[in-house]
Structures are given as structure tokens and as C-alpha cells.
Amino acid sequence: MSVTQEQTEWFAGAFDSLVANVGLAILGKEETIKLVLASMLSEGHVLLEDFPGTGKTVLAKALANTLEGTNSRIQFTPDLLPSDVTGVTIYNQSTNKFEFHKGPIFASVVLADEINRASPKTQSALLEVMEEGVVTVDGESYPVGKPFMVIATQNPVEQAGTYKLPEAQLDRFLIKTSLGYPDRTTAVDLLLDSANRSRAAQINPIIGGASLTAMSQLASAVHVDRSVMEYITDIVHATRAHKDIALGSSMRGGLALARMVKTWALAHGRAYATPDDVNQLAVPVLAHRLIVDAESEFAGVRAEDVVAGILVDLPVPAYRAA
């Protein structure tokens, strides 16, 4: 199925409306909002890592409120149990049957706040549902439905009492991004509106789950030329062969980048992806999947810099839209 011009214009218009709606709560961070929304439309999950007070939770809440669906928040703590996330089977004496009581993971948008504060056992409860969209409890599988998205937050500076996310879980996040501090003008605007203590609560839903699913299906039909796919493959392979990287990107990373470039292209009014789309998305999609060699990390090498360097070194394929 090819994407028509009319469908392309509808998608781009709807995408811009979603960005503007979420932007009412998060001022001055349009590019980050676009990345997060593109991840949702690519049926992926987002890891927000940033300093305290930069608006991570507000962004997640604003996105959830934009969608006409269910949303939940799980505050991750060291004593949180896997069943507190997925749900639990309880024996009902009146019916003499075991009944499954769904946990907060059964929602359209799930905010996993400070995910690195939970134990590895509880973190692992998210592995299956983030990859397959189902929860298995006592041998029974329960689908969470669509749309489904996990937005996890973590604080990079407060490491006391935290558990580092394992590579297998990091690999299940489509992108890792941050908001950063606002610029001077935005900071002043926020101070002037300081009486507004809950900006995300004022966001009204503007899209239903069915429309969001339709947008996701449309994005998956975007044309990606073989040369662009070869470019993605070369980037992924380069992360594995880099001298500063102990573990490069998995195949899941390459597939994630391919999905994202389709959505990104359609959001910018094109029914085809280009190498420029790949260049814009490679760092947020791939960097968190890499493990930097210990000596290189001690020398100050960052995964983001490695991916950026690979993009500079690799030849960009000559590409013209059909």
C-alpha cells in the first residue's frame, strides 16, 4: 500500500496539532515533543533521562492527556513488586474461581516514573509487555491492547538507591532523549505563569485511539529506498566495530531506526524517507543501546558522540525521491 498525497497531508496536519497541544504544557521544547510523538506513532517506548525539575513527568502526563484513552502512573520504588505493575490473580470465594486483577500496566500511556529506583526483578516485569504487548501471569497471557506506550523517566545524578537498567531493557526503548533546561525567554514565561501549578492537567484530548492506530498503520507504509536501508545497516554495523564500543547496537536497534524514519518522514509531509531522516534520528534511537568500553568511558567518550562520529565518517548515499 502506497501513501497518497492526501493521506500525507492529513498525517502531517494531525501530527502538528498533537505537537502544538502537548506544547501548551511544555514550552520551548518542540523538537523533543516531536521525537516522543513520533515514537508513539512508531509503536515504541521512550526513556526520558534528565535532571530534576526539567519537566519529564509533565511531558509524559501532557502526552497521555492528549490521547483519548486510559493512562496510568507507576511510581517506581525499591519495594515495588512485579505484581504491583502487571496485576495479580486472586481467588474469589463467591465464585470458587481465580480472577485476574489488572495492574496499572494496562493503559494506553503508562508513565514509569523514576524507573531505575525499582529492583531488577520489578524492572524485568516490563520486558515482555514492552516487546510483545502482552502480560503473562500464572501461565495466562493478557494483551494490553493498542495504542500502548511506556514513558519511563530517570534521574542521571541521584544514583543512591538506584538500579542501572539492564541492556536488554534499554534495548526495548525506541528512543532515549531529554528536555534540558529552558532558554531565558521560556524560563521567564514559566515564571510569569508560576501560579499555574498543573500545566499538564489543562491539556484536553484531541485524538482517539482508533485515529492514533490509523496514523501508525499509515506510517508503516512509507516508502524507504534500499539505499537508505543499507545506510541504516552500515551505521548499525559501524557501532559494533567501533574501537570505543564494547557492545554495539542490536538488530532491534536497526529495526527501530527504520520504523522511526518512516514516521519522521510522514510527519514532515513526505511519503518517502531520506538519509537526512536517518541522520536526525540515529543518536536518540541508537546511542542508549551501546556500551562504551570502560577505558574509553573513563577518558570521557560518550555513546552519543560515537554515533555522531559514525554519521560523519560514513558516506551518505546519493538519494533522489522517485
Protein backbone atom coordinates (compact mmCIF):
# COMPACT_ATOMS: atom_id res chain seq x y z
CA MET A 1 0.00 0.00 0.00
CA SER A 2 1.42 3.37 -1.03
CA VAL A 3 0.67 6.55 0.86
CA THR A 4 -1.26 9.14 -1.14
CA GLN A 5 -0.63 12.88 -1.07
CA GLU A 6 -3.96 13.42 0.68
CA GLN A 7 -3.03 10.93 3.40
CA THR A 8 0.39 12.54 3.77
CA GLU A 9 -1.14 15.98 4.29
CA TRP A 10 -3.66 14.60 6.80
CA PHE A 11 -0.93 12.85 8.80
CA ALA A 12 1.36 15.89 8.84
CA GLY A 13 -1.53 18.17 9.90
CA ALA A 14 -2.62 15.81 12.68
CA PHE A 15 0.97 15.45 13.86
CA ASP A 16 1.44 19.23 14.05
CA SER A 17 -1.81 19.53 16.03
CA LEU A 18 -0.60 16.94 18.53
CA VAL A 19 2.75 18.73 18.91
CA ALA A 20 1.00 22.05 19.48
CA ASN A 21 -1.36 20.56 22.05
CA VAL A 22 1.42 18.95 24.10
CA GLY A 23 3.43 22.16 23.68
CA LEU A 24 0.86 24.01 25.76
CA ALA A 25 2.30 22.22 28.79
CA ILE A 26 5.95 22.02 27.71
CA LEU A 27 7.14 25.37 26.43
CA GLY A 28 10.08 25.74 24.07
CA LYS A 29 10.73 22.01 23.54
CA GLU A 30 9.10 21.36 20.18
CA GLU A 31 11.79 19.04 18.83
CA THR A 32 11.70 16.79 21.89
CA ILE A 33 7.90 16.64 21.72
CA LYS A 34 8.14 15.65 18.05
CA LEU A 35 10.56 12.84 18.91
CA VAL A 36 8.31 11.47 21.64
CA LEU A 37 5.17 11.65 19.47
CA ALA A 38 6.99 10.01 16.56
CA SER A 39 7.97 7.21 18.94
CA MET A 40 4.36 6.71 19.97
CA LEU A 41 3.23 6.59 16.32
CA SER A 42 6.05 4.10 15.64
CA GLU A 43 4.58 1.92 18.41
CA GLY A 44 7.67 2.36 20.56
CA HIS A 45 8.57 3.39 24.09
CA VAL A 46 10.51 6.38 25.38
CA LEU A 47 13.14 6.81 28.08
CA LEU A 48 13.45 10.37 29.38
CA GLU A 49 16.69 10.95 31.26
CA ASP A 50 17.23 14.41 32.65
CA PHE A 51 17.92 16.47 35.72
CA PRO A 52 15.21 17.07 38.35
CA GLY A 53 12.66 19.75 37.56
CA THR A 54 13.08 19.82 33.79
CA GLY A 55 9.53 18.66 33.02
CA LYS A 56 9.91 14.92 32.36
CA THR A 57 6.74 13.97 34.24
CA VAL A 58 4.82 16.94 32.85
CA LEU A 59 5.66 15.87 29.30
CA ALA A 60 4.52 12.31 29.94
CA LYS A 61 1.26 13.48 31.53
CA ALA A 62 0.59 16.00 28.75
CA LEU A 63 1.06 13.30 26.12
CA ALA A 64 -1.26 10.94 27.98
CA ASN A 65 -3.91 13.65 28.32
CA THR A 66 -3.71 14.42 24.59
CA LEU A 67 -4.89 10.90 23.82
CA GLU A 68 -8.49 9.83 24.39
CA GLY A 69 -7.59 6.70 26.27
CA THR A 70 -6.52 5.41 29.63
CA ASN A 71 -3.32 6.44 31.29
CA SER A 72 -1.61 5.42 34.49
CA ARG A 73 1.39 6.37 36.56
CA ILE A 74 3.63 3.92 38.38
CA GLN A 75 5.98 5.44 40.92
CA PHE A 76 8.91 3.05 40.96
CA THR A 77 10.40 2.45 44.41
CA PRO A 78 12.75 -0.22 45.82
CA ASP A 79 9.86 -2.08 47.44
CA LEU A 80 7.67 -2.20 44.31
CA LEU A 81 6.81 -5.79 43.31
CA PRO A 82 6.30 -7.15 39.78
CA SER A 83 2.66 -7.89 40.61
CA ASP A 84 2.21 -4.20 41.51
CA VAL A 85 2.93 -3.48 37.85
CA THR A 86 1.37 -6.36 35.93
CA GLY A 87 -1.51 -7.36 38.20
CA VAL A 88 -2.27 -10.42 40.27
CA THR A 89 -4.53 -13.48 40.25
CA ILE A 90 -6.83 -13.64 43.30
CA TYR A 91 -9.12 -16.45 44.39
CA ASN A 92 -12.77 -15.39 44.51
CA GLN A 93 -14.55 -17.39 47.22
CA SER A 94 -18.01 -16.46 45.97
CA THR A 95 -17.38 -17.98 42.53
CA ASN A 96 -14.74 -20.52 43.55
CA LYS A 97 -12.56 -19.26 40.71
CA PHE A 98 -9.30 -17.43 40.32
CA GLU A 99 -9.71 -13.96 38.82
CA PHE A 100 -7.05 -11.78 37.28
CA HIS A 101 -6.93 -8.20 38.55
CA LYS A 102 -5.15 -5.97 36.06
CA GLY A 103 -2.28 -3.80 37.16
CA PRO A 104 -1.51 -0.23 36.07
CA ILE A 105 0.44 -1.51 33.03
CA PHE A 106 -2.93 -1.99 31.33
CA ALA A 107 -3.30 1.53 29.95
CA SER A 108 -2.76 3.37 26.68
CA VAL A 109 0.04 5.50 28.10
CA VAL A 110 1.98 4.29 31.14
CA LEU A 111 4.28 6.67 32.99
CA ALA A 112 7.02 4.68 34.72
CA ASP A 113 8.38 7.41 36.97
CA GLU A 114 11.99 7.02 38.19
CA ILE A 115 12.17 3.54 36.72
CA ASN A 116 15.74 2.97 37.92
CA ARG A 117 14.63 3.08 41.59
CA ALA A 118 12.89 -0.29 41.33
CA SER A 119 14.71 -3.60 41.79
CA PRO A 120 15.88 -5.53 38.71
CA LYS A 121 13.16 -8.11 39.39
CA THR A 122 10.45 -5.46 39.10
CA GLN A 123 12.12 -3.81 36.10
CA SER A 124 12.10 -7.17 34.32
CA ALA A 125 8.29 -7.25 34.63
CA LEU A 126 8.24 -4.70 31.80
CA LEU A 127 10.35 -6.71 29.35
CA GLU A 128 7.60 -8.89 27.89
CA VAL A 129 4.89 -6.24 27.70
CA MET A 130 7.18 -3.65 26.10
CA GLU A 131 8.24 -6.09 23.39
CA GLU A 132 5.10 -8.14 22.75
CA GLY A 133 2.24 -6.09 24.20
CA VAL A 134 1.08 -8.91 26.46
CA VAL A 135 1.37 -9.71 30.16
CA THR A 136 1.75 -13.32 31.30
CA VAL A 137 0.60 -14.15 34.82
CA ASP A 138 0.28 -17.71 36.12
CA GLY A 139 0.64 -19.09 32.61
CA GLU A 140 -2.12 -16.93 31.13
CA SER A 141 -1.37 -14.17 28.61
CA TYR A 142 -3.35 -10.93 28.63
CA PRO A 143 -2.96 -8.37 25.79
CA VAL A 144 -2.70 -4.73 26.87
CA GLY A 145 -4.28 -3.52 23.64
CA LYS A 146 -3.38 -0.68 21.28
CA PRO A 147 -2.24 2.01 21.44
CA PHE A 148 0.23 1.17 24.18
CA MET A 149 3.28 3.17 25.20
CA VAL A 150 5.61 3.25 28.18
CA ILE A 151 7.27 6.56 29.01
CA ALA A 152 9.94 5.99 31.63
CA THR A 153 11.89 8.68 33.45
CA GLN A 154 15.15 8.51 35.31
CA ASN A 155 17.43 10.98 37.03
CA PRO A 156 21.10 10.75 35.97
CA VAL A 157 22.51 12.50 39.04
CA GLU A 158 20.81 10.84 42.01
CA GLN A 159 22.33 7.35 41.90
CA ALA A 160 21.96 6.41 45.57
CA GLY A 161 19.37 3.67 45.91
CA THR A 162 19.00 3.15 42.17
CA TYR A 163 19.49 0.13 39.91
CA LYS A 164 21.02 0.58 36.49
CA LEU A 165 18.70 -0.51 33.70
CA PRO A 166 19.98 -3.72 32.07
CA GLU A 167 20.95 -3.66 28.41
CA ALA A 168 18.01 -5.89 27.47
CA GLN A 169 15.57 -3.34 28.85
CA LEU A 170 17.35 -0.31 27.39
CA ASP A 171 17.13 -2.03 24.01
CA ARG A 172 13.33 -2.07 24.28
CA PHE A 173 13.10 1.71 24.41
CA LEU A 174 12.74 3.08 20.90
CA ILE A 175 14.44 6.34 21.84
CA LYS A 176 16.21 7.94 24.75
CA THR A 177 16.01 11.71 24.94
CA SER A 178 16.00 14.62 27.36
CA LEU A 179 14.36 18.01 27.74
CA GLY A 180 17.16 20.07 29.20
CA TYR A 181 16.75 23.43 30.88
CA PRO A 182 14.59 26.08 29.16
CA ASP A 183 16.14 29.05 27.42
CA ARG A 184 15.97 32.50 29.01
CA THR A 185 12.75 33.63 27.29
CA THR A 186 10.92 30.39 28.08
CA ALA A 187 12.15 30.49 31.68
CA VAL A 188 10.73 33.99 32.11
CA ASP A 189 7.39 32.91 30.62
CA LEU A 190 7.24 29.99 33.04
CA LEU A 191 7.98 32.27 35.99
CA LEU A 192 5.27 34.70 34.92
CA ASP A 193 2.83 31.77 34.83
CA SER A 194 4.05 30.30 38.12
CA ALA A 195 0.52 30.36 39.56
CA ASN A 196 -0.33 27.54 37.12
CA ARG A 197 0.78 24.55 39.18
CA SER A 198 -0.53 21.84 36.87
CA ARG A 199 0.01 22.65 33.22
CA ALA A 200 -0.45 19.06 32.05
CA ALA A 201 -3.90 18.81 33.70
CA GLN A 202 -5.16 21.57 31.39
CA ILE A 203 -4.36 19.55 28.26
CA ASN A 204 -7.51 18.24 26.59
CA PRO A 205 -7.62 15.07 24.46
CA ILE A 206 -7.69 15.77 20.73
CA ILE A 207 -7.20 12.31 19.21
CA GLY A 208 -8.78 8.94 19.80
CA GLY A 209 -7.10 5.58 19.98
CA ALA A 210 -8.52 4.47 16.64
CA SER A 211 -7.13 7.54 14.86
CA LEU A 212 -3.75 7.04 16.51
CA THR A 213 -3.69 3.42 15.35
CA ALA A 214 -4.61 4.55 11.83
CA MET A 215 -1.72 7.01 11.86
CA SER A 216 0.66 4.25 12.97
CA GLN A 217 -0.50 1.97 10.18
CA LEU A 218 -0.11 4.76 7.65
CA ALA A 219 3.43 5.49 8.82
CA SER A 220 4.40 1.84 8.36
CA ALA A 221 3.51 2.13 4.66
CA VAL A 222 6.01 4.94 3.97
CA HIS A 223 8.49 4.07 1.22
CA VAL A 224 12.11 3.57 2.24
CA ASP A 225 14.57 3.07 -0.61
CA ARG A 226 17.01 0.17 -0.42
CA SER A 227 19.94 2.62 -0.33
CA VAL A 228 18.52 4.18 2.85
CA MET A 229 18.10 0.75 4.44
CA GLU A 230 21.70 -0.06 3.51
CA TYR A 231 22.75 3.21 5.15
CA ILE A 232 20.96 2.21 8.36
CA THR A 233 22.63 -1.20 8.24
CA ASP A 234 26.08 0.36 7.78
CA ILE A 235 25.53 2.63 10.78
CA VAL A 236 24.45 -0.30 12.99
CA HIS A 237 27.43 -2.39 11.87
CA ALA A 238 29.79 0.54 12.49
CA THR A 239 28.68 0.70 16.15
CA ARG A 240 29.73 -2.92 16.59
CA ALA A 241 33.17 -2.40 15.06
CA HIS A 242 34.00 0.91 16.77
CA LYS A 243 37.13 0.86 18.91
CA ASP A 244 35.45 2.65 21.83
CA ILE A 245 32.36 0.41 21.96
CA ALA A 246 32.25 -2.84 23.92
CA LEU A 247 28.75 -3.73 22.73
CA GLY A 248 27.20 -2.25 19.60
CA SER A 249 23.61 -1.89 18.51
CA SER A 250 21.45 -4.97 18.18
CA MET A 251 19.29 -5.75 15.17
CA ARG A 252 16.39 -4.39 17.22
CA GLY A 253 18.12 -1.02 17.08
CA GLY A 254 18.28 -1.12 13.28
CA LEU A 255 14.61 -2.08 13.05
CA ALA A 256 13.71 0.73 15.46
CA LEU A 257 15.58 3.27 13.35
CA ALA A 258 13.84 2.02 10.20
CA ARG A 259 10.42 2.42 11.87
CA MET A 260 11.22 5.87 13.16
CA VAL A 261 12.45 7.28 9.83
CA LYS A 262 9.13 6.30 8.25
CA THR A 263 7.10 8.18 10.85
CA TRP A 264 9.53 11.11 10.81
CA ALA A 265 9.27 11.46 7.03
CA LEU A 266 5.47 11.39 7.05
CA ALA A 267 5.34 13.89 9.91
CA HIS A 268 7.34 16.26 7.71
CA GLY A 269 4.99 15.89 4.77
CA ARG A 270 6.81 13.21 2.77
CA ALA A 271 5.69 9.72 1.78
CA TYR A 272 9.31 8.61 1.48
CA ALA A 273 12.29 8.57 3.85
CA THR A 274 15.69 10.10 3.10
CA PRO A 275 19.22 9.77 4.53
CA ASP A 276 18.65 13.09 6.30
CA ASP A 277 15.87 11.47 8.32
CA VAL A 278 18.32 8.78 9.39
CA ASN A 279 20.93 11.38 10.39
CA GLN A 280 18.42 13.26 12.55
CA LEU A 281 17.26 10.15 14.40
CA ALA A 282 20.34 7.93 14.71
CA VAL A 283 21.59 9.38 18.01
CA PRO A 284 18.31 9.23 20.01
CA VAL A 285 17.47 5.78 18.59
CA LEU A 286 20.87 4.07 18.83
CA ALA A 287 23.08 5.75 21.45
CA HIS A 288 21.39 4.26 24.54
CA ARG A 289 21.84 0.76 23.10
CA LEU A 290 25.63 1.00 23.08
CA ILE A 291 28.01 0.08 25.88
CA VAL A 292 31.13 2.21 25.87
CA ASP A 293 34.40 0.43 26.66
CA ALA A 294 35.41 1.05 30.29
CA GLU A 295 38.72 2.75 29.46
CA SER A 296 37.10 4.91 26.80
CA GLU A 297 34.32 5.89 29.17
CA PHE A 298 36.91 6.88 31.76
CA ALA A 299 38.53 9.05 29.07
CA GLY A 300 35.22 10.86 28.54
CA VAL A 301 33.89 9.09 25.45
CA ARG A 302 30.08 9.12 25.24
CA ALA A 303 27.86 6.86 23.16
CA GLU A 304 26.14 9.90 21.65
CA ASP A 305 29.48 11.20 20.39
CA VAL A 306 30.35 7.81 18.92
CA VAL A 307 27.13 7.66 16.88
CA ALA A 308 27.57 11.28 15.77
CA GLY A 309 31.13 10.46 14.68
CA ILE A 310 29.95 7.45 12.70
CA LEU A 311 27.47 9.66 10.84
CA VAL A 312 30.33 11.99 9.91
CA ASP A 313 32.62 9.18 8.75
CA LEU A 314 30.15 7.11 6.73
CA PRO A 315 29.40 8.23 3.17
CA VAL A 316 25.80 9.41 2.80
CA PRO A 317 24.10 7.59 -0.08
CA ALA A 318 23.11 9.69 -3.06
CA TYR A 319 19.34 9.71 -2.97
CA ARG A 320 16.62 11.22 -5.09
CA ALA A 321 12.90 10.82 -4.50
CA ALA A 322 11.17 8.76 -7.14
